[in-house]
N, C-alpha and C. Protein backbone atom coordinates (compact mmCIF):
# COMPACT_ATOMS: atom_id res chain seq x y z
N MET A 1 16.71 52.09 -6.18
CA MET A 1 15.51 51.47 -5.56
C MET A 1 15.57 51.21 -4.11
N PRO A 2 15.01 51.34 -3.56
CA PRO A 2 14.70 51.80 -2.01
C PRO A 2 15.45 49.99 -1.53
N MET A 3 16.34 49.91 -0.34
CA MET A 3 15.75 48.46 0.01
C MET A 3 14.80 47.45 0.52
N SER A 4 13.72 48.17 0.78
CA SER A 4 12.62 47.81 0.86
C SER A 4 11.81 47.08 -0.45
N GLU A 5 12.16 47.22 -0.77
CA GLU A 5 10.98 47.15 -2.36
C GLU A 5 11.51 45.28 -3.11
N ALA A 6 10.62 44.88 -2.80
CA ALA A 6 11.05 43.26 -2.93
C ALA A 6 11.59 44.09 -5.12
N LEU A 7 12.19 42.43 -5.39
CA LEU A 7 12.64 42.49 -6.70
C LEU A 7 11.29 41.56 -7.11
N ASN A 8 11.52 41.36 -7.94
CA ASN A 8 10.65 40.58 -8.91
C ASN A 8 11.52 39.54 -10.01
N PRO A 9 12.07 38.66 -9.70
CA PRO A 9 12.35 38.18 -11.29
C PRO A 9 12.10 38.44 -12.04
N ALA A 10 10.99 37.76 -12.68
CA ALA A 10 10.35 38.12 -14.00
C ALA A 10 11.23 39.28 -14.18
N GLU A 11 10.49 40.12 -13.87
CA GLU A 11 11.88 41.92 -14.59
C GLU A 11 13.38 41.97 -14.43
N ILE A 12 13.84 40.90 -14.30
CA ILE A 12 14.84 40.81 -14.64
C ILE A 12 15.76 39.87 -15.15
N ASN A 13 15.52 40.60 -16.87
CA ASN A 13 16.01 39.57 -17.82
C ASN A 13 17.83 39.17 -17.07
N VAL A 14 17.92 38.13 -17.30
CA VAL A 14 19.40 37.15 -17.18
C VAL A 14 20.07 37.40 -18.42
N GLY A 15 20.46 36.78 -19.35
CA GLY A 15 21.76 35.97 -20.03
C GLY A 15 23.12 34.59 -19.51
N VAL A 16 23.19 34.14 -20.75
CA VAL A 16 23.99 33.46 -19.92
C VAL A 16 24.91 32.81 -21.49
N VAL A 17 25.98 32.89 -21.32
CA VAL A 17 27.24 33.30 -22.38
C VAL A 17 27.44 31.45 -22.11
N GLY A 18 27.20 30.64 -23.78
CA GLY A 18 27.52 29.94 -23.16
C GLY A 18 26.52 28.42 -22.22
N LEU A 19 26.23 27.27 -23.39
CA LEU A 19 25.39 26.26 -23.19
C LEU A 19 25.71 24.87 -23.06
N GLY A 20 26.81 24.50 -22.52
CA GLY A 20 27.37 23.28 -22.24
C GLY A 20 26.35 22.63 -20.59
N LEU A 21 27.21 21.94 -19.97
CA LEU A 21 26.80 21.16 -18.07
C LEU A 21 26.60 22.56 -17.62
N MET A 22 28.01 23.01 -17.13
CA MET A 22 27.07 24.21 -16.62
C MET A 22 26.90 25.68 -16.67
N GLY A 23 26.81 26.24 -18.14
CA GLY A 23 25.38 27.16 -18.47
C GLY A 23 24.30 26.48 -18.67
N SER A 24 24.13 25.25 -19.08
CA SER A 24 22.79 25.29 -18.78
C SER A 24 22.22 24.33 -18.28
N SER A 25 23.23 24.23 -17.00
CA SER A 25 22.08 24.15 -15.15
C SER A 25 21.67 25.17 -14.55
N ILE A 26 23.00 26.20 -15.30
CA ILE A 26 22.72 27.72 -14.72
C ILE A 26 21.34 28.22 -15.05
N VAL A 27 21.56 27.99 -16.03
CA VAL A 27 20.09 28.41 -17.44
C VAL A 27 18.75 27.85 -16.04
N VAL A 28 19.00 26.13 -16.18
CA VAL A 28 17.45 26.02 -16.21
C VAL A 28 17.76 26.96 -13.73
N ALA A 29 18.49 26.88 -13.33
CA ALA A 29 18.22 27.94 -12.01
C ALA A 29 17.95 28.80 -11.37
N LEU A 30 17.97 29.63 -12.86
CA LEU A 30 18.10 31.53 -13.49
C LEU A 30 16.22 31.14 -12.91
N LEU A 31 16.04 30.12 -14.31
CA LEU A 31 14.15 29.85 -14.83
C LEU A 31 13.47 29.99 -13.38
N ILE A 32 13.78 28.18 -13.31
CA ILE A 32 13.08 28.00 -11.33
C ILE A 32 12.98 29.40 -11.19
N ALA A 33 14.46 29.90 -10.82
CA ALA A 33 14.26 31.96 -9.87
C ALA A 33 12.81 32.44 -10.47
N GLY A 34 13.37 32.72 -12.02
CA GLY A 34 11.61 33.17 -12.10
C GLY A 34 12.37 34.19 -13.21
N HIS A 35 13.06 34.23 -13.47
CA HIS A 35 14.06 34.69 -14.42
C HIS A 35 13.60 35.12 -16.00
N PRO A 36 13.75 35.45 -17.33
CA PRO A 36 13.83 35.49 -18.09
C PRO A 36 14.77 35.57 -18.51
N VAL A 37 15.08 34.21 -19.82
CA VAL A 37 16.75 33.81 -19.43
C VAL A 37 16.22 34.43 -20.62
N LYS A 38 18.02 34.16 -21.26
CA LYS A 38 18.45 34.86 -22.95
C LYS A 38 19.68 33.99 -22.71
N ALA A 39 19.71 33.16 -23.96
CA ALA A 39 20.90 32.13 -23.65
C ALA A 39 21.27 32.04 -24.92
N ILE A 40 23.26 32.77 -24.47
CA ILE A 40 24.02 32.57 -25.56
C ILE A 40 24.70 31.33 -26.17
N ALA A 41 24.41 30.61 -26.84
CA ALA A 41 25.26 29.09 -27.87
C ALA A 41 26.42 29.73 -28.61
N PRO A 42 26.69 30.24 -28.44
CA PRO A 42 28.65 30.61 -29.01
C PRO A 42 29.15 30.04 -30.53
N LEU A 43 28.48 28.41 -29.93
CA LEU A 43 29.66 27.44 -30.65
C LEU A 43 27.63 26.79 -31.40
N PRO A 44 27.98 25.43 -32.98
CA PRO A 44 26.87 25.37 -33.53
C PRO A 44 26.25 24.06 -33.04
N GLU A 45 27.27 23.19 -32.25
CA GLU A 45 26.56 22.31 -31.84
C GLU A 45 26.15 22.58 -30.60
N GLU A 46 26.35 23.54 -29.41
CA GLU A 46 25.48 23.92 -28.32
C GLU A 46 23.95 23.82 -28.57
N LEU A 47 24.53 24.93 -29.67
CA LEU A 47 22.63 25.63 -30.53
C LEU A 47 21.47 25.23 -30.98
N SER A 48 22.27 23.70 -31.34
CA SER A 48 22.00 22.49 -32.05
C SER A 48 21.05 21.43 -30.53
N LYS A 49 22.04 21.86 -28.96
CA LYS A 49 21.69 20.76 -27.95
C LYS A 49 21.01 21.25 -27.13
N ALA A 50 21.31 22.42 -26.83
CA ALA A 50 20.63 22.93 -25.50
C ALA A 50 19.12 23.23 -25.38
N PRO A 51 18.56 24.02 -26.57
CA PRO A 51 17.27 23.51 -25.87
C PRO A 51 16.44 22.04 -25.56
N GLN A 52 17.49 21.34 -26.10
CA GLN A 52 16.30 20.18 -25.60
C GLN A 52 16.89 19.71 -24.07
N HIS A 53 18.55 19.39 -24.11
CA HIS A 53 19.10 19.34 -23.13
C HIS A 53 18.11 20.06 -21.63
N ILE A 54 18.32 20.94 -21.79
CA ILE A 54 17.61 22.29 -20.85
C ILE A 54 16.21 21.57 -20.51
N LYS A 55 15.14 20.91 -20.80
CA LYS A 55 14.32 20.64 -21.47
C LYS A 55 13.93 19.68 -20.82
N ASP A 56 15.40 18.65 -20.76
CA ASP A 56 15.86 17.58 -20.11
C ASP A 56 15.75 17.91 -18.42
N GLN A 57 16.52 18.51 -18.19
CA GLN A 57 16.61 19.31 -17.03
C GLN A 57 15.49 19.51 -16.20
N LEU A 58 14.77 20.33 -16.82
CA LEU A 58 13.53 20.59 -16.78
C LEU A 58 12.93 19.25 -15.80
N PHE A 59 12.68 18.83 -17.11
CA PHE A 59 11.53 18.00 -16.79
C PHE A 59 12.22 16.86 -15.28
N HIS A 60 13.47 16.44 -14.72
CA HIS A 60 14.47 15.79 -14.03
C HIS A 60 13.54 17.08 -12.43
N CYS A 61 13.97 18.26 -13.11
CA CYS A 61 13.65 18.97 -11.80
C CYS A 61 11.46 18.79 -11.23
N GLU A 62 11.22 18.93 -12.84
CA GLU A 62 10.10 18.62 -12.25
C GLU A 62 9.36 17.51 -11.89
N LYS A 63 10.10 15.98 -12.03
CA LYS A 63 9.75 14.83 -11.26
C LYS A 63 10.67 14.95 -10.09
N ALA A 64 11.87 16.12 -9.75
CA ALA A 64 11.66 16.13 -7.92
C ALA A 64 11.27 16.76 -7.39
N GLY A 65 10.31 17.75 -8.29
CA GLY A 65 9.16 18.27 -7.02
C GLY A 65 9.24 19.42 -7.01
N LEU A 66 10.86 20.26 -7.15
CA LEU A 66 11.27 21.37 -7.82
C LEU A 66 10.36 21.91 -8.76
N LEU A 67 9.31 22.50 -9.33
CA LEU A 67 9.30 23.19 -9.96
C LEU A 67 7.54 23.97 -9.65
N LYS A 68 7.06 24.81 -9.59
CA LYS A 68 5.77 25.64 -9.06
C LYS A 68 5.29 25.33 -9.69
N GLU A 69 5.65 25.75 -11.31
CA GLU A 69 4.53 25.12 -12.51
C GLU A 69 4.55 24.74 -13.63
N PRO A 70 3.90 24.83 -14.85
CA PRO A 70 4.39 24.08 -16.02
C PRO A 70 5.31 23.79 -16.30
N ILE A 71 5.90 22.82 -17.06
CA ILE A 71 7.58 23.09 -17.34
C ILE A 71 7.42 24.11 -18.65
N ILE A 72 6.13 24.54 -19.59
CA ILE A 72 5.79 25.37 -21.14
C ILE A 72 6.01 26.81 -20.04
N PHE A 73 6.16 27.11 -19.08
CA PHE A 73 5.75 28.13 -18.22
C PHE A 73 7.10 28.34 -18.32
N TYR A 74 8.50 27.40 -17.94
CA TYR A 74 10.16 28.14 -17.90
C TYR A 74 10.68 27.92 -19.56
N ILE A 75 9.91 26.73 -20.33
CA ILE A 75 10.12 27.28 -21.45
C ILE A 75 10.34 28.39 -22.16
N ASN A 76 8.63 29.34 -21.81
CA ASN A 76 8.71 30.59 -22.94
C ASN A 76 8.89 31.54 -22.74
N ASN A 77 10.24 31.70 -21.14
CA ASN A 77 11.29 32.39 -20.23
C ASN A 77 12.31 32.34 -20.65
N LEU A 78 13.44 30.98 -22.13
CA LEU A 78 14.18 31.10 -22.84
C LEU A 78 14.21 31.23 -23.87
N THR A 79 15.12 32.19 -24.30
CA THR A 79 15.19 32.74 -25.48
C THR A 79 16.82 32.02 -25.68
N VAL A 80 16.83 30.80 -26.85
CA VAL A 80 18.31 29.83 -27.29
C VAL A 80 18.20 30.71 -28.76
N SER A 81 19.40 31.19 -28.24
CA SER A 81 20.14 31.89 -29.98
C SER A 81 21.84 31.79 -30.03
N GLY A 82 22.14 32.34 -31.13
CA GLY A 82 23.45 31.85 -31.64
C GLY A 82 24.55 33.92 -31.56
N ASP A 83 23.27 34.67 -31.05
CA ASP A 83 23.61 35.80 -31.65
C ASP A 83 23.54 36.66 -30.58
N TYR A 84 24.57 37.60 -30.21
CA TYR A 84 25.24 38.16 -29.45
C TYR A 84 23.63 39.63 -29.12
N THR A 85 23.17 40.06 -30.33
CA THR A 85 22.00 40.79 -30.17
C THR A 85 21.05 40.52 -28.71
N THR A 86 20.86 39.16 -28.98
CA THR A 86 19.84 38.56 -27.92
C THR A 86 19.93 38.75 -26.22
N LEU A 87 21.25 39.58 -26.23
CA LEU A 87 21.72 39.90 -24.42
C LEU A 87 21.06 41.54 -24.40
N ARG A 88 20.55 42.40 -25.47
CA ARG A 88 20.00 43.89 -24.96
C ARG A 88 20.11 44.43 -24.11
N ASN A 89 19.15 43.76 -23.75
CA ASN A 89 17.71 43.62 -22.60
C ASN A 89 18.38 42.73 -21.27
N CYS A 90 19.65 42.67 -21.03
CA CYS A 90 19.71 41.29 -19.67
C CYS A 90 19.99 42.47 -18.98
N ARG A 91 20.13 42.47 -17.28
CA ARG A 91 20.77 43.69 -16.50
C ARG A 91 22.21 42.22 -15.86
N MET A 92 22.12 41.27 -15.90
CA MET A 92 23.38 40.27 -15.73
C MET A 92 23.16 39.87 -17.24
N VAL A 93 24.64 38.92 -17.11
CA VAL A 93 25.21 38.12 -17.69
C VAL A 93 26.68 37.26 -17.46
N LEU A 94 25.78 36.32 -17.55
CA LEU A 94 26.96 35.30 -17.05
C LEU A 94 28.28 35.12 -18.26
N GLU A 95 28.94 34.28 -18.28
CA GLU A 95 29.98 34.10 -19.05
C GLU A 95 29.95 32.61 -18.48
N CYS A 96 29.70 31.27 -19.24
CA CYS A 96 29.94 29.68 -19.52
C CYS A 96 30.77 29.18 -20.17
N VAL A 97 31.42 30.11 -20.96
CA VAL A 97 32.82 29.13 -22.32
C VAL A 97 33.06 28.56 -21.36
N ILE A 98 34.60 27.14 -22.45
CA ILE A 98 35.67 26.66 -21.78
C ILE A 98 36.50 27.59 -20.95
N GLU A 99 37.08 27.21 -20.50
CA GLU A 99 38.55 27.80 -19.58
C GLU A 99 39.51 28.02 -20.36
N GLN A 100 39.51 28.78 -21.33
CA GLN A 100 40.99 28.93 -22.11
C GLN A 100 40.40 31.08 -22.35
N VAL A 101 42.60 31.51 -21.84
CA VAL A 101 41.73 33.04 -21.62
C VAL A 101 41.11 34.13 -22.82
N GLU A 102 41.68 33.60 -24.40
CA GLU A 102 41.63 33.33 -25.86
C GLU A 102 40.19 34.36 -26.01
N ILE A 103 39.65 32.34 -25.72
CA ILE A 103 38.64 33.00 -26.04
C ILE A 103 37.06 33.22 -24.82
N LYS A 104 37.66 33.15 -23.65
CA LYS A 104 36.60 34.30 -22.96
C LYS A 104 37.13 35.72 -23.22
N LYS A 105 38.16 35.61 -23.84
CA LYS A 105 38.61 37.66 -23.58
C LYS A 105 37.78 38.20 -25.21
N GLU A 106 37.41 37.22 -26.37
CA GLU A 106 36.51 37.27 -27.47
C GLU A 106 35.14 37.14 -27.09
N VAL A 107 34.72 36.36 -25.81
CA VAL A 107 32.82 36.88 -25.27
C VAL A 107 32.56 37.28 -24.70
N TYR A 108 34.08 38.13 -23.46
CA TYR A 108 33.16 39.66 -23.86
C TYR A 108 33.38 40.55 -24.09
N LYS A 109 33.60 40.54 -24.98
CA LYS A 109 33.88 41.14 -26.55
C LYS A 109 32.76 41.42 -26.73
N LYS A 110 32.57 39.89 -27.27
CA LYS A 110 30.72 40.49 -28.01
C LYS A 110 29.83 40.89 -27.27
N ILE A 111 30.04 40.34 -25.69
CA ILE A 111 28.71 40.02 -24.97
C ILE A 111 28.96 42.25 -24.97
N SER A 112 30.20 42.51 -24.85
CA SER A 112 29.97 44.11 -24.18
C SER A 112 29.53 45.08 -24.99
N GLN A 113 29.81 44.68 -26.73
CA GLN A 113 29.49 45.73 -27.56
C GLN A 113 27.64 45.31 -27.56
N HIS A 114 26.85 44.68 -26.67
CA HIS A 114 25.49 44.08 -27.10
C HIS A 114 24.75 44.52 -25.63
N VAL A 115 25.86 45.13 -24.56
CA VAL A 115 24.58 44.90 -23.16
C VAL A 115 25.09 47.50 -23.51
N THR A 116 24.37 47.14 -22.08
CA THR A 116 25.49 48.72 -21.49
C THR A 116 25.84 49.24 -20.17
N ASP A 117 26.77 49.40 -20.14
CA ASP A 117 27.66 49.73 -19.52
C ASP A 117 27.53 49.62 -17.34
N ASP A 118 25.38 49.37 -17.18
CA ASP A 118 25.90 49.14 -16.22
C ASP A 118 24.71 47.52 -15.86
N THR A 119 25.09 47.37 -17.06
CA THR A 119 25.12 45.46 -17.23
C THR A 119 26.54 44.75 -16.26
N ILE A 120 25.58 43.77 -15.24
CA ILE A 120 26.03 43.24 -14.45
C ILE A 120 26.77 42.16 -15.10
N LEU A 121 28.73 41.80 -15.62
CA LEU A 121 29.65 40.68 -16.15
C LEU A 121 29.45 39.88 -14.99
N SER A 122 29.73 38.66 -15.64
CA SER A 122 30.41 37.57 -14.13
C SER A 122 30.71 36.39 -15.63
């Protein structure tokens, strides 16, 4: 894409793996920036708690006047799953799991099985 062409965040799917405090905060920032977000909760507890936690953060952002759209707009751009195949159309995936090398290795292995070679992993 030529540098003169503007990027449309709505066309760039971003994945986030790990939905603790850091991961869910990154999800909210990406949603507010206009990206469709595919959020993966590797732990069952995260899968059950993350959607409400993300909504709560969006409500806080709304109260602070940070949202351009109604909250439902952002919720509709969010997919929360425990299934790594959800990442298959993401152009970038951010890993936000606990700081343990073996867990991170396993997560990167799972991510790599479902994204293309040109997907940015961070």
